[in-house]
Amino acid sequence: MPASMFTDAYRALVKCLVEARREAGISQTELGRRMGKGQKFISVVETGVRRLDIVEFIEWTRALDLDPVAALTTVLARIERT
């Protein structure tokens, strides 16, 4: 079984997060600042080098002014289409 960060489902999660950040017009640097982390943290998550846990997912979505449940629903819908 592959590590979950290399599955299609995990890639869908990251893709949704990247798209949400870009649609909000927020740079990696700004998102990192909002989360109390550096730009490198955002970069390594978005490139799949580092795995994001559920608490960080919630922080990430809230930093983008998104509802975490709605964001997760979007991710689940994308996963189900693949």
PDB file of N, CA and C in Angstrom:
ATOM      1  N   MET A   1       0.844  -1.178   0.000  1.00  0.00           N
ATOM      2  CA  MET A   1       0.000   0.000   0.000  1.00  0.00           C
ATOM      3  C   MET A   1       0.894   1.248   0.000  1.00  0.00           C
ATOM      4  N   PRO A   2       0.637   2.203  -0.896  1.00  0.00           N
ATOM      5  CA  PRO A   2       1.465   3.410  -0.944  1.00  0.00           C
ATOM      6  C   PRO A   2       1.188   4.313   0.248  1.00  0.00           C
ATOM      7  N   ALA A   3       2.200   5.109   0.604  1.00  0.00           N
ATOM      8  CA  ALA A   3       1.991   6.112   1.645  1.00  0.00           C
ATOM      9  C   ALA A   3       0.863   7.022   1.196  1.00  0.00           C
ATOM     10  N   SER A   4      -0.004   7.424   2.136  1.00  0.00           N
ATOM     11  CA  SER A   4      -1.204   8.163   1.756  1.00  0.00           C
ATOM     12  C   SER A   4      -0.920   9.493   1.086  1.00  0.00           C
ATOM     13  N   MET A   5       0.259  10.061   1.334  1.00  0.00           N
ATOM     14  CA  MET A   5       0.540  11.344   0.686  1.00  0.00           C
ATOM     15  C   MET A   5       0.867  11.179  -0.799  1.00  0.00           C
ATOM     16  N   PHE A   6       1.004   9.932  -1.244  1.00  0.00           N
ATOM     17  CA  PHE A   6       1.285   9.700  -2.649  1.00  0.00           C
ATOM     18  C   PHE A   6       0.083   9.109  -3.380  1.00  0.00           C
ATOM     19  N   THR A   7      -1.050   9.071  -2.723  1.00  0.00           N
ATOM     20  CA  THR A   7      -2.259   8.555  -3.358  1.00  0.00           C
ATOM     21  C   THR A   7      -2.943   9.654  -4.154  1.00  0.00           C
ATOM     22  N   ASP A   8      -3.830   9.225  -5.040  1.00  0.00           N
ATOM     23  CA  ASP A   8      -4.622  10.200  -5.797  1.00  0.00           C
ATOM     24  C   ASP A   8      -5.458  11.059  -4.858  1.00  0.00           C
ATOM     25  N   ALA A   9      -5.949  10.453  -3.778  1.00  0.00           N
ATOM     26  CA  ALA A   9      -6.772  11.200  -2.824  1.00  0.00           C
ATOM     27  C   ALA A   9      -5.976  12.312  -2.154  1.00  0.00           C
ATOM     28  N   TYR A  10      -4.751  12.026  -1.744  1.00  0.00           N
ATOM     29  CA  TYR A  10      -3.955  13.068  -1.094  1.00  0.00           C
ATOM     30  C   TYR A  10      -3.582  14.162  -2.095  1.00  0.00           C
ATOM     31  N   ARG A  11      -3.273  13.752  -3.318  1.00  0.00           N
ATOM     32  CA  ARG A  11      -2.957  14.755  -4.345  1.00  0.00           C
ATOM     33  C   ARG A  11      -4.172  15.654  -4.605  1.00  0.00           C
ATOM     34  N   ALA A  12      -5.372  15.079  -4.545  1.00  0.00           N
ATOM     35  CA  ALA A  12      -6.590  15.882  -4.722  1.00  0.00           C
ATOM     36  C   ALA A  12      -6.734  16.891  -3.591  1.00  0.00           C
ATOM     37  N   LEU A  13      -6.421  16.468  -2.377  1.00  0.00           N
ATOM     38  CA  LEU A  13      -6.472  17.374  -1.226  1.00  0.00           C
ATOM     39  C   LEU A  13      -5.536  18.556  -1.435  1.00  0.00           C
ATOM     40  N   VAL A  14      -4.297  18.264  -1.783  1.00  0.00           N
ATOM     41  CA  VAL A  14      -3.310  19.332  -1.969  1.00  0.00           C
ATOM     42  C   VAL A  14      -3.710  20.242  -3.119  1.00  0.00           C
ATOM     43  N   LYS A  15      -4.210  19.656  -4.193  1.00  0.00           N
ATOM     44  CA  LYS A  15      -4.632  20.468  -5.338  1.00  0.00           C
ATOM     45  C   LYS A  15      -5.742  21.433  -4.933  1.00  0.00           C
ATOM     46  N   CYS A  16      -6.694  20.962  -4.152  1.00  0.00           N
ATOM     47  CA  CYS A  16      -7.774  21.837  -3.680  1.00  0.00           C
ATOM     48  C   CYS A  16      -7.226  22.982  -2.825  1.00  0.00           C
ATOM     49  N   LEU A  17      -6.269  22.681  -1.968  1.00  0.00           N
ATOM     50  CA  LEU A  17      -5.699  23.717  -1.101  1.00  0.00           C
ATOM     51  C   LEU A  17      -4.926  24.755  -1.907  1.00  0.00           C
ATOM     52  N   VAL A  18      -4.168  24.292  -2.878  1.00  0.00           N
ATOM     53  CA  VAL A  18      -3.414  25.218  -3.737  1.00  0.00           C
ATOM     54  C   VAL A  18      -4.384  26.100  -4.514  1.00  0.00           C
ATOM     55  N   GLU A  19      -5.403  25.490  -5.099  1.00  0.00           N
ATOM     56  CA  GLU A  19      -6.390  26.262  -5.868  1.00  0.00           C
ATOM     57  C   GLU A  19      -7.100  27.283  -4.988  1.00  0.00           C
ATOM     58  N   ALA A  20      -7.441  26.897  -3.779  1.00  0.00           N
ATOM     59  CA  ALA A  20      -8.120  27.828  -2.868  1.00  0.00           C
ATOM     60  C   ALA A  20      -7.220  29.010  -2.533  1.00  0.00           C
ATOM     61  N   ARG A  21      -5.955  28.734  -2.300  1.00  0.00           N
ATOM     62  CA  ARG A  21      -5.014  29.819  -1.985  1.00  0.00           C
ATOM     63  C   ARG A  21      -4.888  30.768  -3.168  1.00  0.00           C
ATOM     64  N   ARG A  22      -4.728  30.196  -4.345  1.00  0.00           N
ATOM     65  CA  ARG A  22      -4.571  31.033  -5.541  1.00  0.00           C
ATOM     66  C   ARG A  22      -5.836  31.826  -5.845  1.00  0.00           C
ATOM     67  N   GLU A  23      -7.001  31.181  -5.709  1.00  0.00           N
ATOM     68  CA  GLU A  23      -8.270  31.885  -5.951  1.00  0.00           C
ATOM     69  C   GLU A  23      -8.466  33.039  -4.976  1.00  0.00           C
ATOM     70  N   ALA A  24      -7.927  32.889  -3.766  1.00  0.00           N
ATOM     71  CA  ALA A  24      -8.017  33.960  -2.771  1.00  0.00           C
ATOM     72  C   ALA A  24      -6.996  35.065  -3.044  1.00  0.00           C
ATOM     73  N   GLY A  25      -6.094  34.816  -3.996  1.00  0.00           N
ATOM     74  CA  GLY A  25      -5.070  35.816  -4.320  1.00  0.00           C
ATOM     75  C   GLY A  25      -4.031  35.968  -3.224  1.00  0.00           C
ATOM     76  N   ILE A  26      -3.767  34.884  -2.518  1.00  0.00           N
ATOM     77  CA  ILE A  26      -2.837  34.928  -1.379  1.00  0.00           C
ATOM     78  C   ILE A  26      -1.567  34.174  -1.744  1.00  0.00           C
ATOM     79  N   SER A  27      -0.442  34.787  -1.490  1.00  0.00           N
ATOM     80  CA  SER A  27       0.842  34.150  -1.765  1.00  0.00           C
ATOM     81  C   SER A  27       1.155  33.106  -0.695  1.00  0.00           C
ATOM     82  N   GLN A  28       2.114  32.253  -0.996  1.00  0.00           N
ATOM     83  CA  GLN A  28       2.580  31.294   0.003  1.00  0.00           C
ATOM     84  C   GLN A  28       3.113  32.026   1.237  1.00  0.00           C
ATOM     85  N   THR A  29       3.806  33.101   1.013  1.00  0.00           N
ATOM     86  CA  THR A  29       4.368  33.880   2.119  1.00  0.00           C
ATOM     87  C   THR A  29       3.271  34.422   3.017  1.00  0.00           C
ATOM     88  N   GLU A  30       2.226  34.984   2.413  1.00  0.00           N
ATOM     89  CA  GLU A  30       1.127  35.544   3.199  1.00  0.00           C
ATOM     90  C   GLU A  30       0.362  34.447   3.936  1.00  0.00           C
ATOM     91  N   LEU A  31       0.121  33.329   3.288  1.00  0.00           N
ATOM     92  CA  LEU A  31      -0.571  32.234   3.959  1.00  0.00           C
ATOM     93  C   LEU A  31       0.253  31.741   5.148  1.00  0.00           C
ATOM     94  N   GLY A  32       1.542  31.589   4.942  1.00  0.00           N
ATOM     95  CA  GLY A  32       2.415  31.184   6.036  1.00  0.00           C
ATOM     96  C   GLY A  32       2.347  32.164   7.197  1.00  0.00           C
ATOM     97  N   ARG A  33       2.348  33.445   6.885  1.00  0.00           N
ATOM     98  CA  ARG A  33       2.272  34.476   7.934  1.00  0.00           C
ATOM     99  C   ARG A  33       0.962  34.333   8.697  1.00  0.00           C
ATOM    100  N   ARG A  34      -0.129  34.146   7.974  1.00  0.00           N
ATOM    101  CA  ARG A  34      -1.438  34.012   8.626  1.00  0.00           C
ATOM    102  C   ARG A  34      -1.504  32.784   9.533  1.00  0.00           C
ATOM    103  N   MET A  35      -0.735  31.765   9.184  1.00  0.00           N
ATOM    104  CA  MET A  35      -0.732  30.530   9.964  1.00  0.00           C
ATOM    105  C   MET A  35       0.348  30.517  11.045  1.00  0.00           C
ATOM    106  N   GLY A  36       1.161  31.563  11.071  1.00  0.00           N
ATOM    107  CA  GLY A  36       2.260  31.595  12.038  1.00  0.00           C
ATOM    108  C   GLY A  36       3.403  30.679  11.636  1.00  0.00           C
ATOM    109  N   LYS A  37       3.532  30.448  10.344  1.00  0.00           N
ATOM    110  CA  LYS A  37       4.576  29.578   9.807  1.00  0.00           C
ATOM    111  C   LYS A  37       5.277  30.316   8.676  1.00  0.00           C
ATOM    112  N   GLY A  38       6.329  29.756   8.172  1.00  0.00           N
ATOM    113  CA  GLY A  38       7.057  30.379   7.076  1.00  0.00           C
ATOM    114  C   GLY A  38       6.547  29.939   5.718  1.00  0.00           C
ATOM    115  N   GLN A  39       7.014  30.617   4.687  1.00  0.00           N
ATOM    116  CA  GLN A  39       6.651  30.276   3.310  1.00  0.00           C
ATOM    117  C   GLN A  39       7.103  28.868   2.971  1.00  0.00           C
ATOM    118  N   LYS A  40       8.234  28.456   3.522  1.00  0.00           N
ATOM    119  CA  LYS A  40       8.753  27.125   3.213  1.00  0.00           C
ATOM    120  C   LYS A  40       7.772  26.030   3.644  1.00  0.00           C
ATOM    121  N   PHE A  41       7.097  26.213   4.775  1.00  0.00           N
ATOM    122  CA  PHE A  41       6.097  25.247   5.226  1.00  0.00           C
ATOM    123  C   PHE A  41       5.020  25.080   4.170  1.00  0.00           C
ATOM    124  N   ILE A  42       4.532  26.184   3.654  1.00  0.00           N
ATOM    125  CA  ILE A  42       3.474  26.135   2.637  1.00  0.00           C
ATOM    126  C   ILE A  42       4.000  25.430   1.391  1.00  0.00           C
ATOM    127  N   SER A  43       5.195  25.775   0.980  1.00  0.00           N
ATOM    128  CA  SER A  43       5.793  25.185  -0.208  1.00  0.00           C
ATOM    129  C   SER A  43       5.952  23.670  -0.092  1.00  0.00           C
ATOM    130  N   VAL A  44       6.471  23.199   1.033  1.00  0.00           N
ATOM    131  CA  VAL A  44       6.707  21.752   1.155  1.00  0.00           C
ATOM    132  C   VAL A  44       5.399  20.972   1.237  1.00  0.00           C
ATOM    133  N   VAL A  45       4.351  21.593   1.764  1.00  0.00           N
ATOM    134  CA  VAL A  45       3.050  20.933   1.751  1.00  0.00           C
ATOM    135  C   VAL A  45       2.504  20.901   0.322  1.00  0.00           C
ATOM    136  N   GLU A  46       2.562  22.043  -0.355  1.00  0.00           N
ATOM    137  CA  GLU A  46       1.995  22.130  -1.703  1.00  0.00           C
ATOM    138  C   GLU A  46       2.744  21.279  -2.720  1.00  0.00           C
ATOM    139  N   THR A  47       4.006  21.005  -2.491  1.00  0.00           N
ATOM    140  CA  THR A  47       4.777  20.166  -3.416  1.00  0.00           C
ATOM    141  C   THR A  47       4.776  18.701  -3.008  1.00  0.00           C
ATOM    142  N   GLY A  48       4.113  18.381  -1.901  1.00  0.00           N
ATOM    143  CA  GLY A  48       4.005  16.994  -1.483  1.00  0.00           C
ATOM    144  C   GLY A  48       5.179  16.455  -0.710  1.00  0.00           C
ATOM    145  N   VAL A  49       6.097  17.316  -0.305  1.00  0.00           N
ATOM    146  CA  VAL A  49       7.252  16.879   0.478  1.00  0.00           C
ATOM    147  C   VAL A  49       6.850  16.606   1.923  1.00  0.00           C
ATOM    148  N   ARG A  50       5.932  17.406   2.423  1.00  0.00           N
ATOM    149  CA  ARG A  50       5.481  17.273   3.815  1.00  0.00           C
ATOM    150  C   ARG A  50       3.984  17.032   3.844  1.00  0.00           C
ATOM    151  N   ARG A  51       3.590  16.146   4.706  1.00  0.00           N
ATOM    152  CA  ARG A  51       2.177  15.805   4.876  1.00  0.00           C
ATOM    153  C   ARG A  51       1.499  16.813   5.804  1.00  0.00           C
ATOM    154  N   LEU A  52       0.261  17.117   5.507  1.00  0.00           N
ATOM    155  CA  LEU A  52      -0.538  18.036   6.303  1.00  0.00           C
ATOM    156  C   LEU A  52      -1.453  17.220   7.209  1.00  0.00           C
ATOM    157  N   ASP A  53      -1.466  17.529   8.504  1.00  0.00           N
ATOM    158  CA  ASP A  53      -2.392  16.806   9.383  1.00  0.00           C
ATOM    159  C   ASP A  53      -3.722  17.559   9.462  1.00  0.00           C
ATOM    160  N   ILE A  54      -4.690  16.961  10.119  1.00  0.00           N
ATOM    161  CA  ILE A  54      -6.045  17.525  10.133  1.00  0.00           C
ATOM    162  C   ILE A  54      -6.100  18.883  10.831  1.00  0.00           C
ATOM    163  N   VAL A  55      -5.331  19.044  11.898  1.00  0.00           N
ATOM    164  CA  VAL A  55      -5.319  20.333  12.603  1.00  0.00           C
ATOM    165  C   VAL A  55      -4.727  21.407  11.697  1.00  0.00           C
ATOM    166  N   GLU A  56      -3.668  21.066  10.974  1.00  0.00           N
ATOM    167  CA  GLU A  56      -3.071  22.024  10.038  1.00  0.00           C
ATOM    168  C   GLU A  56      -4.026  22.326   8.884  1.00  0.00           C
ATOM    169  N   PHE A  57      -4.784  21.324   8.449  1.00  0.00           N
ATOM    170  CA  PHE A  57      -5.788  21.545   7.407  1.00  0.00           C
ATOM    171  C   PHE A  57      -6.800  22.594   7.868  1.00  0.00           C
ATOM    172  N   ILE A  58      -7.257  22.456   9.092  1.00  0.00           N
ATOM    173  CA  ILE A  58      -8.211  23.423   9.638  1.00  0.00           C
ATOM    174  C   ILE A  58      -7.581  24.810   9.708  1.00  0.00           C
ATOM    175  N   GLU A  59      -6.344  24.907  10.188  1.00  0.00           N
ATOM    176  CA  GLU A  59      -5.647  26.199  10.249  1.00  0.00           C
ATOM    177  C   GLU A  59      -5.500  26.791   8.851  1.00  0.00           C
ATOM    178  N   TRP A  60      -5.147  25.945   7.891  1.00  0.00           N
ATOM    179  CA  TRP A  60      -4.933  26.379   6.506  1.00  0.00           C
ATOM    180  C   TRP A  60      -6.218  26.982   5.943  1.00  0.00           C
ATOM    181  N   THR A  61      -7.326  26.258   6.095  1.00  0.00           N
ATOM    182  CA  THR A  61      -8.582  26.751   5.532  1.00  0.00           C
ATOM    183  C   THR A  61      -9.048  28.019   6.239  1.00  0.00           C
ATOM    184  N   ARG A  62      -8.898  28.060   7.535  1.00  0.00           N
ATOM    185  CA  ARG A  62      -9.304  29.270   8.268  1.00  0.00           C
ATOM    186  C   ARG A  62      -8.432  30.464   7.896  1.00  0.00           C
ATOM    187  N   ALA A  63      -7.152  30.222   7.626  1.00  0.00           N
ATOM    188  CA  ALA A  63      -6.264  31.309   7.199  1.00  0.00           C
ATOM    189  C   ALA A  63      -6.699  31.868   5.847  1.00  0.00           C
ATOM    190  N   LEU A  64      -7.409  31.051   5.075  1.00  0.00           N
ATOM    191  CA  LEU A  64      -7.954  31.498   3.788  1.00  0.00           C
ATOM    192  C   LEU A  64      -9.396  31.985   3.918  1.00  0.00           C
ATOM    193  N   ASP A  65      -9.872  32.102   5.148  1.00  0.00           N
ATOM    194  CA  ASP A  65     -11.252  32.500   5.423  1.00  0.00           C
ATOM    195  C   ASP A  65     -12.264  31.533   4.811  1.00  0.00           C
ATOM    196  N   LEU A  66     -11.925  30.234   4.847  1.00  0.00           N
ATOM    197  CA  LEU A  66     -12.818  29.198   4.353  1.00  0.00           C
ATOM    198  C   LEU A  66     -13.344  28.373   5.521  1.00  0.00           C
ATOM    199  N   ASP A  67     -14.520  27.832   5.333  1.00  0.00           N
ATOM    200  CA  ASP A  67     -15.077  26.909   6.308  1.00  0.00           C
ATOM    201  C   ASP A  67     -14.395  25.553   6.098  1.00  0.00           C
ATOM    202  N   PRO A  68     -13.740  25.002   7.117  1.00  0.00           N
ATOM    203  CA  PRO A  68     -13.036  23.727   6.950  1.00  0.00           C
ATOM    204  C   PRO A  68     -13.955  22.597   6.485  1.00  0.00           C
ATOM    205  N   VAL A  69     -15.184  22.559   6.963  1.00  0.00           N
ATOM    206  CA  VAL A  69     -16.119  21.499   6.563  1.00  0.00           C
ATOM    207  C   VAL A  69     -16.465  21.635   5.083  1.00  0.00           C
ATOM    208  N   ALA A  70     -16.718  22.848   4.646  1.00  0.00           N
ATOM    209  CA  ALA A  70     -17.027  23.076   3.229  1.00  0.00           C
ATOM    210  C   ALA A  70     -15.815  22.726   2.363  1.00  0.00           C
ATOM    211  N   ALA A  71     -14.628  23.076   2.816  1.00  0.00           N
ATOM    212  CA  ALA A  71     -13.414  22.757   2.067  1.00  0.00           C
ATOM    213  C   ALA A  71     -13.233  21.248   1.972  1.00  0.00           C
ATOM    214  N   LEU A  72     -13.469  20.554   3.062  1.00  0.00           N
ATOM    215  CA  LEU A  72     -13.341  19.100   3.051  1.00  0.00           C
ATOM    216  C   LEU A  72     -14.394  18.460   2.152  1.00  0.00           C
ATOM    217  N   THR A  73     -15.581  19.025   2.126  1.00  0.00           N
ATOM    218  CA  THR A  73     -16.629  18.526   1.236  1.00  0.00           C
ATOM    219  C   THR A  73     -16.190  18.650  -0.221  1.00  0.00           C
ATOM    220  N   THR A  74     -15.552  19.748  -0.561  1.00  0.00           N
ATOM    221  CA  THR A  74     -15.024  19.943  -1.908  1.00  0.00           C
ATOM    222  C   THR A  74     -13.974  18.896  -2.233  1.00  0.00           C
ATOM    223  N   VAL A  75     -13.086  18.647  -1.282  1.00  0.00           N
ATOM    224  CA  VAL A  75     -12.039  17.632  -1.479  1.00  0.00           C
ATOM    225  C   VAL A  75     -12.682  16.262  -1.671  1.00  0.00           C
ATOM    226  N   LEU A  76     -13.638  15.909  -0.830  1.00  0.00           N
ATOM    227  CA  LEU A  76     -14.288  14.610  -0.954  1.00  0.00           C
ATOM    228  C   LEU A  76     -14.990  14.432  -2.295  1.00  0.00           C
ATOM    229  N   ALA A  77     -15.634  15.472  -2.773  1.00  0.00           N
ATOM    230  CA  ALA A  77     -16.302  15.410  -4.070  1.00  0.00           C
ATOM    231  C   ALA A  77     -15.281  15.171  -5.183  1.00  0.00           C
ATOM    232  N   ARG A  78     -14.140  15.825  -5.090  1.00  0.00           N
ATOM    233  CA  ARG A  78     -13.101  15.635  -6.101  1.00  0.00           C
ATOM    234  C   ARG A  78     -12.551  14.218  -6.043  1.00  0.00           C
ATOM    235  N   ILE A  79     -12.359  13.697  -4.844  1.00  0.00           N
ATOM    236  CA  ILE A  79     -11.843  12.329  -4.694  1.00  0.00           C
ATOM    237  C   ILE A  79     -12.819  11.323  -5.285  1.00  0.00           C
ATOM    238  N   GLU A  80     -14.087  11.543  -5.042  1.00  0.00           N
ATOM    239  CA  GLU A  80     -15.097  10.610  -5.550  1.00  0.00           C
ATOM    240  C   GLU A  80     -15.189  10.615  -7.063  1.00  0.00           C
ATOM    241  N   ARG A  81     -14.803  11.713  -7.689  1.00  0.00           N
ATOM    242  CA  ARG A  81     -14.825  11.787  -9.159  1.00  0.00           C
ATOM    243  C   ARG A  81     -13.641  11.074  -9.795  1.00  0.00           C
ATOM    244  N   THR A  82     -12.604  10.820  -9.001  1.00  0.00           N
ATOM    245  CA  THR A  82     -11.398  10.187  -9.571  1.00  0.00           C
ATOM    246  C   THR A  82     -11.455   8.688  -9.476  1.00  0.00           C
TER     247      THR A  82
END
